[in-house]
């Protein structure tokens, strides 16, 4: 199963716990593109999204892609 949740949705995630999972993100850069990815724990995903996604069999992966001009 694949589920994508865009941060631009109608209800904003709670960013108060971002530092904990961002600190262990894997970072790859190629040219002008930087990709950051990490797997959230069940507690982190529940805090960030306000719901226990693990209860529904969903593993949350945080992904950020930036392109520099």
PDB file of N, CA and C in Angstrom:
ATOM      1  N   UNK A   1       0.847  -1.169   0.000  1.00  0.00           N
ATOM      2  CA  UNK A   1       0.000   0.000   0.000  1.00  0.00           C
ATOM      3  C   UNK A   1       0.893   1.232   0.000  1.00  0.00           C
ATOM      4  N   UNK A   2       0.530   2.228  -0.758  1.00  0.00           N
ATOM      5  CA  UNK A   2       1.267   3.491  -0.810  1.00  0.00           C
ATOM      6  C   UNK A   2       0.304   4.619  -0.523  1.00  0.00           C
ATOM      7  N   UNK A   3       0.658   5.467   0.425  1.00  0.00           N
ATOM      8  CA  UNK A   3      -0.160   6.622   0.768  1.00  0.00           C
ATOM      9  C   UNK A   3       0.736   7.848   0.754  1.00  0.00           C
ATOM     10  N   UNK A   4       0.319   8.867   0.070  1.00  0.00           N
ATOM     11  CA  UNK A   4       1.087  10.118   0.042  1.00  0.00           C
ATOM     12  C   UNK A   4       0.279  11.200   0.724  1.00  0.00           C
ATOM     13  N   UNK A   5       0.919  11.894   1.627  1.00  0.00           N
ATOM     14  CA  UNK A   5       0.270  13.004   2.307  1.00  0.00           C
ATOM     15  C   UNK A   5       1.115  14.235   2.046  1.00  0.00           C
ATOM     16  N   UNK A   6       0.480  15.211   1.460  1.00  0.00           N
ATOM     17  CA  UNK A   6       1.180  16.443   1.117  1.00  0.00           C
ATOM     18  C   UNK A   6       0.991  17.443   2.238  1.00  0.00           C
ATOM     19  N   UNK A   7       2.050  18.072   2.664  1.00  0.00           N
ATOM     20  CA  UNK A   7       1.969  19.029   3.757  1.00  0.00           C
ATOM     21  C   UNK A   7       1.092  20.223   3.417  1.00  0.00           C
ATOM     22  N   UNK A   8       0.765  20.421   2.158  1.00  0.00           N
ATOM     23  CA  UNK A   8      -0.072  21.548   1.758  1.00  0.00           C
ATOM     24  C   UNK A   8      -1.554  21.236   1.932  1.00  0.00           C
ATOM     25  N   UNK A   9      -1.881  20.171   2.639  1.00  0.00           N
ATOM     26  CA  UNK A   9      -3.271  19.785   2.840  1.00  0.00           C
ATOM     27  C   UNK A   9      -4.031  20.784   3.688  1.00  0.00           C
ATOM     28  N   UNK A  10      -5.287  20.468   3.987  1.00  0.00           N
ATOM     29  CA  UNK A  10      -6.140  21.393   4.711  1.00  0.00           C
ATOM     30  C   UNK A  10      -5.808  21.470   6.195  1.00  0.00           C
ATOM     31  N   UNK A  11      -5.348  20.372   6.797  1.00  0.00           N
ATOM     32  CA  UNK A  11      -4.958  20.436   8.206  1.00  0.00           C
ATOM     33  C   UNK A  11      -3.441  20.265   8.279  1.00  0.00           C
ATOM     34  N   UNK A  12      -2.810  21.241   8.900  1.00  0.00           N
ATOM     35  CA  UNK A  12      -1.352  21.241   8.963  1.00  0.00           C
ATOM     36  C   UNK A  12      -0.857  20.245   9.997  1.00  0.00           C
ATOM     37  N   UNK A  13       0.217  19.518   9.675  1.00  0.00           N
ATOM     38  CA  UNK A  13       0.842  18.637  10.666  1.00  0.00           C
ATOM     39  C   UNK A  13       1.426  19.448  11.807  1.00  0.00           C
ATOM     40  N   UNK A  14       1.645  18.787  12.941  1.00  0.00           N
ATOM     41  CA  UNK A  14       2.265  19.431  14.097  1.00  0.00           C
ATOM     42  C   UNK A  14       3.783  19.313  13.944  1.00  0.00           C
ATOM     43  N   UNK A  15       4.469  20.414  13.629  1.00  0.00           N
ATOM     44  CA  UNK A  15       5.910  20.346  13.392  1.00  0.00           C
ATOM     45  C   UNK A  15       6.761  20.329  14.657  1.00  0.00           C
ATOM     46  N   UNK A  16       6.134  20.301  15.836  1.00  0.00           N
ATOM     47  CA  UNK A  16       6.904  20.407  17.081  1.00  0.00           C
ATOM     48  C   UNK A  16       7.892  19.261  17.276  1.00  0.00           C
ATOM     49  N   UNK A  17       7.664  18.120  16.659  1.00  0.00           N
ATOM     50  CA  UNK A  17       8.568  16.984  16.817  1.00  0.00           C
ATOM     51  C   UNK A  17       9.496  16.760  15.648  1.00  0.00           C
ATOM     52  N   UNK A  18       9.493  17.692  14.685  1.00  0.00           N
ATOM     53  CA  UNK A  18      10.311  17.513  13.486  1.00  0.00           C
ATOM     54  C   UNK A  18      11.790  17.334  13.776  1.00  0.00           C
ATOM     55  N   UNK A  19      12.314  18.035  14.737  1.00  0.00           N
ATOM     56  CA  UNK A  19      13.754  17.992  15.011  1.00  0.00           C
ATOM     57  C   UNK A  19      14.237  16.572  15.290  1.00  0.00           C
ATOM     58  N   UNK A  20      13.420  15.775  15.965  1.00  0.00           N
ATOM     59  CA  UNK A  20      13.854  14.423  16.322  1.00  0.00           C
ATOM     60  C   UNK A  20      14.054  13.542  15.097  1.00  0.00           C
ATOM     61  N   UNK A  21      13.161  13.605  14.120  1.00  0.00           N
ATOM     62  CA  UNK A  21      13.351  12.751  12.950  1.00  0.00           C
ATOM     63  C   UNK A  21      14.199  13.407  11.865  1.00  0.00           C
ATOM     64  N   UNK A  22      14.225  14.734  11.811  1.00  0.00           N
ATOM     65  CA  UNK A  22      15.074  15.407  10.824  1.00  0.00           C
ATOM     66  C   UNK A  22      16.554  15.219  11.144  1.00  0.00           C
ATOM     67  N   UNK A  23      16.886  15.086  12.432  1.00  0.00           N
ATOM     68  CA  UNK A  23      18.288  14.944  12.824  1.00  0.00           C
ATOM     69  C   UNK A  23      18.898  13.638  12.328  1.00  0.00           C
ATOM     70  N   UNK A  24      18.072  12.629  12.035  1.00  0.00           N
ATOM     71  CA  UNK A  24      18.600  11.355  11.553  1.00  0.00           C
ATOM     72  C   UNK A  24      18.283  11.099  10.071  1.00  0.00           C
ATOM     73  N   UNK A  25      17.822  12.123   9.374  1.00  0.00           N
ATOM     74  CA  UNK A  25      17.482  11.975   7.953  1.00  0.00           C
ATOM     75  C   UNK A  25      18.727  11.660   7.125  1.00  0.00           C
ATOM     76  N   UNK A  26      18.557  10.795   6.154  1.00  0.00           N
ATOM     77  CA  UNK A  26      19.605  10.524   5.172  1.00  0.00           C
ATOM     78  C   UNK A  26      19.539  11.633   4.133  1.00  0.00           C
ATOM     79  N   UNK A  27      20.679  12.155   3.738  1.00  0.00           N
ATOM     80  CA  UNK A  27      20.732  13.259   2.780  1.00  0.00           C
ATOM     81  C   UNK A  27      21.579  12.847   1.592  1.00  0.00           C
ATOM     82  N   UNK A  28      21.047  13.084   0.386  1.00  0.00           N
ATOM     83  CA  UNK A  28      21.785  12.836  -0.849  1.00  0.00           C
ATOM     84  C   UNK A  28      21.653  14.065  -1.724  1.00  0.00           C
ATOM     85  N   UNK A  29      22.775  14.435  -2.332  1.00  0.00           N
ATOM     86  CA  UNK A  29      22.779  15.592  -3.232  1.00  0.00           C
ATOM     87  C   UNK A  29      23.348  15.176  -4.580  1.00  0.00           C
ATOM     88  N   UNK A  30      22.723  15.673  -5.616  1.00  0.00           N
ATOM     89  CA  UNK A  30      23.235  15.471  -6.971  1.00  0.00           C
ATOM     90  C   UNK A  30      22.931  16.738  -7.754  1.00  0.00           C
ATOM     91  N   UNK A  31      23.984  17.411  -8.144  1.00  0.00           N
ATOM     92  CA  UNK A  31      23.794  18.666  -8.863  1.00  0.00           C
ATOM     93  C   UNK A  31      23.031  19.648  -8.003  1.00  0.00           C
ATOM     94  N   UNK A  32      21.943  20.163  -8.551  1.00  0.00           N
ATOM     95  CA  UNK A  32      21.137  21.162  -7.856  1.00  0.00           C
ATOM     96  C   UNK A  32      20.010  20.549  -7.027  1.00  0.00           C
ATOM     97  N   UNK A  33      19.991  19.225  -6.883  1.00  0.00           N
ATOM     98  CA  UNK A  33      18.888  18.556  -6.175  1.00  0.00           C
ATOM     99  C   UNK A  33      19.400  17.948  -4.868  1.00  0.00           C
ATOM    100  N   UNK A  34      18.678  18.225  -3.782  1.00  0.00           N
ATOM    101  CA  UNK A  34      18.962  17.640  -2.473  1.00  0.00           C
ATOM    102  C   UNK A  34      17.734  16.857  -2.026  1.00  0.00           C
ATOM    103  N   UNK A  35      17.949  15.608  -1.612  1.00  0.00           N
ATOM    104  CA  UNK A  35      16.862  14.749  -1.133  1.00  0.00           C
ATOM    105  C   UNK A  35      17.169  14.355   0.300  1.00  0.00           C
ATOM    106  N   UNK A  36      16.171  14.510   1.176  1.00  0.00           N
ATOM    107  CA  UNK A  36      16.273  14.093   2.572  1.00  0.00           C
ATOM    108  C   UNK A  36      15.141  13.100   2.837  1.00  0.00           C
ATOM    109  N   UNK A  37      15.481  12.004   3.537  1.00  0.00           N
ATOM    110  CA  UNK A  37      14.470  10.985   3.825  1.00  0.00           C
ATOM    111  C   UNK A  37      14.747  10.352   5.181  1.00  0.00           C
ATOM    112  N   UNK A  38      13.671  10.040   5.895  1.00  0.00           N
ATOM    113  CA  UNK A  38      13.778   9.320   7.165  1.00  0.00           C
ATOM    114  C   UNK A  38      12.460   8.591   7.442  1.00  0.00           C
ATOM    115  N   UNK A  39      12.560   7.551   8.236  1.00  0.00           N
ATOM    116  CA  UNK A  39      11.383   6.789   8.648  1.00  0.00           C
ATOM    117  C   UNK A  39      10.981   7.279  10.031  1.00  0.00           C
ATOM    118  N   UNK A  40       9.721   7.650  10.180  1.00  0.00           N
ATOM    119  CA  UNK A  40       9.228   8.120  11.471  1.00  0.00           C
ATOM    120  C   UNK A  40       8.842   6.934  12.350  1.00  0.00           C
ATOM    121  N   UNK A  41       9.094   7.073  13.657  1.00  0.00           N
ATOM    122  CA  UNK A  41       8.613   6.064  14.600  1.00  0.00           C
ATOM    123  C   UNK A  41       7.097   6.205  14.714  1.00  0.00           C
ATOM    124  N   UNK A  42       6.466   5.234  15.329  1.00  0.00           N
ATOM    125  CA  UNK A  42       5.016   5.312  15.518  1.00  0.00           C
ATOM    126  C   UNK A  42       4.637   6.545  16.336  1.00  0.00           C
ATOM    127  N   UNK A  43       5.409   6.835  17.397  1.00  0.00           N
ATOM    128  CA  UNK A  43       5.123   8.006  18.233  1.00  0.00           C
ATOM    129  C   UNK A  43       5.300   9.308  17.462  1.00  0.00           C
ATOM    130  N   UNK A  44       6.365   9.388  16.655  1.00  0.00           N
ATOM    131  CA  UNK A  44       6.603  10.601  15.862  1.00  0.00           C
ATOM    132  C   UNK A  44       5.494  10.830  14.840  1.00  0.00           C
ATOM    133  N   UNK A  45       5.081   9.773  14.172  1.00  0.00           N
ATOM    134  CA  UNK A  45       4.037   9.948  13.162  1.00  0.00           C
ATOM    135  C   UNK A  45       2.700  10.305  13.790  1.00  0.00           C
ATOM    136  N   UNK A  46       2.425   9.760  14.986  1.00  0.00           N
ATOM    137  CA  UNK A  46       1.167  10.109  15.660  1.00  0.00           C
ATOM    138  C   UNK A  46       1.187  11.571  16.096  1.00  0.00           C
ATOM    139  N   UNK A  47       2.325  12.038  16.613  1.00  0.00           N
ATOM    140  CA  UNK A  47       2.434  13.445  17.017  1.00  0.00           C
ATOM    141  C   UNK A  47       2.341  14.358  15.795  1.00  0.00           C
ATOM    142  N   UNK A  48       3.037  14.004  14.738  1.00  0.00           N
ATOM    143  CA  UNK A  48       3.114  14.863  13.549  1.00  0.00           C
ATOM    144  C   UNK A  48       1.779  14.946  12.800  1.00  0.00           C
ATOM    145  N   UNK A  49       1.106  13.811  12.633  1.00  0.00           N
ATOM    146  CA  UNK A  49      -0.135  13.783  11.859  1.00  0.00           C
ATOM    147  C   UNK A  49      -1.400  13.783  12.701  1.00  0.00           C
ATOM    148  N   UNK A  50      -1.262  13.601  14.020  1.00  0.00           N
ATOM    149  CA  UNK A  50      -2.433  13.639  14.887  1.00  0.00           C
ATOM    150  C   UNK A  50      -3.262  12.379  14.859  1.00  0.00           C
ATOM    151  N   UNK A  51      -2.710  11.298  14.322  1.00  0.00           N
ATOM    152  CA  UNK A  51      -3.427  10.026  14.262  1.00  0.00           C
ATOM    153  C   UNK A  51      -2.406   8.900  14.241  1.00  0.00           C
ATOM    154  N   UNK A  52      -2.776   7.767  14.772  1.00  0.00           N
ATOM    155  CA  UNK A  52      -1.880   6.615  14.762  1.00  0.00           C
ATOM    156  C   UNK A  52      -1.990   5.903  13.419  1.00  0.00           C
ATOM    157  N   UNK A  53      -1.072   6.207  12.521  1.00  0.00           N
ATOM    158  CA  UNK A  53      -1.097   5.579  11.198  1.00  0.00           C
ATOM    159  C   UNK A  53      -0.645   4.122  11.273  1.00  0.00           C
ATOM    160  N   UNK A  54       0.198   3.800  12.254  1.00  0.00           N
ATOM    161  CA  UNK A  54       0.656   2.419  12.431  1.00  0.00           C
ATOM    162  C   UNK A  54      -0.510   1.494  12.738  1.00  0.00           C
ATOM    163  N   UNK A  55      -1.537   2.011  13.414  1.00  0.00           N
ATOM    164  CA  UNK A  55      -2.728   1.205  13.704  1.00  0.00           C
ATOM    165  C   UNK A  55      -3.431   0.746  12.427  1.00  0.00           C
ATOM    166  N   UNK A  56      -3.135   1.425  11.328  1.00  0.00           N
ATOM    167  CA  UNK A  56      -3.738   1.083  10.034  1.00  0.00           C
ATOM    168  C   UNK A  56      -2.725   0.404   9.114  1.00  0.00           C
ATOM    169  N   UNK A  57      -1.589   0.000   9.676  1.00  0.00           N
ATOM    170  CA  UNK A  57      -0.568  -0.694   8.899  1.00  0.00           C
ATOM    171  C   UNK A  57       0.243   0.215   7.985  1.00  0.00           C
ATOM    172  N   UNK A  58       0.316   1.504   8.323  1.00  0.00           N
ATOM    173  CA  UNK A  58       1.024   2.468   7.477  1.00  0.00           C
ATOM    174  C   UNK A  58       2.342   2.861   8.135  1.00  0.00           C
ATOM    175  N   UNK A  59       3.441   2.679   7.408  1.00  0.00           N
ATOM    176  CA  UNK A  59       4.761   3.130   7.869  1.00  0.00           C
ATOM    177  C   UNK A  59       5.035   4.479   7.232  1.00  0.00           C
ATOM    178  N   UNK A  60       5.277   5.485   8.048  1.00  0.00           N
ATOM    179  CA  UNK A  60       5.476   6.842   7.555  1.00  0.00           C
ATOM    180  C   UNK A  60       6.935   7.067   7.183  1.00  0.00           C
ATOM    181  N   UNK A  61       7.134   7.584   5.983  1.00  0.00           N
ATOM    182  CA  UNK A  61       8.458   7.979   5.512  1.00  0.00           C
ATOM    183  C   UNK A  61       8.390   9.459   5.172  1.00  0.00           C
ATOM    184  N   UNK A  62       9.254  10.238   5.804  1.00  0.00           N
ATOM    185  CA  UNK A  62       9.313  11.674   5.537  1.00  0.00           C
ATOM    186  C   UNK A  62      10.304  11.886   4.405  1.00  0.00           C
ATOM    187  N   UNK A  63       9.881  12.613   3.381  1.00  0.00           N
ATOM    188  CA  UNK A  63      10.708  12.838   2.203  1.00  0.00           C
ATOM    189  C   UNK A  63      10.650  14.304   1.821  1.00  0.00           C
ATOM    190  N   UNK A  64      11.821  14.893   1.597  1.00  0.00           N
ATOM    191  CA  UNK A  64      11.908  16.289   1.187  1.00  0.00           C
ATOM    192  C   UNK A  64      12.838  16.367  -0.013  1.00  0.00           C
ATOM    193  N   UNK A  65      12.379  16.981  -1.084  1.00  0.00           N
ATOM    194  CA  UNK A  65      13.183  17.142  -2.290  1.00  0.00           C
ATOM    195  C   UNK A  65      13.266  18.624  -2.603  1.00  0.00           C
ATOM    196  N   UNK A  66      14.473  19.127  -2.736  1.00  0.00           N
ATOM    197  CA  UNK A  66      14.680  20.541  -3.049  1.00  0.00           C
ATOM    198  C   UNK A  66      15.545  20.670  -4.296  1.00  0.00           C
ATOM    199  N   UNK A  67      15.191  21.604  -5.142  1.00  0.00           N
ATOM    200  CA  UNK A  67      15.988  21.908  -6.324  1.00  0.00           C
ATOM    201  C   UNK A  67      16.431  23.353  -6.231  1.00  0.00           C
ATOM    202  N   UNK A  68      17.735  23.546  -6.275  1.00  0.00           N
ATOM    203  CA  UNK A  68      18.299  24.886  -6.204  1.00  0.00           C
ATOM    204  C   UNK A  68      18.472  25.432  -7.601  1.00  0.00           C
ATOM    205  N   UNK A  69      18.271  26.694  -7.762  1.00  0.00           N
ATOM    206  CA  UNK A  69      18.391  27.309  -9.087  1.00  0.00           C
ATOM    207  C   UNK A  69      19.793  27.767  -9.344  1.00  0.00           C
TER     208      UNK A  69
END
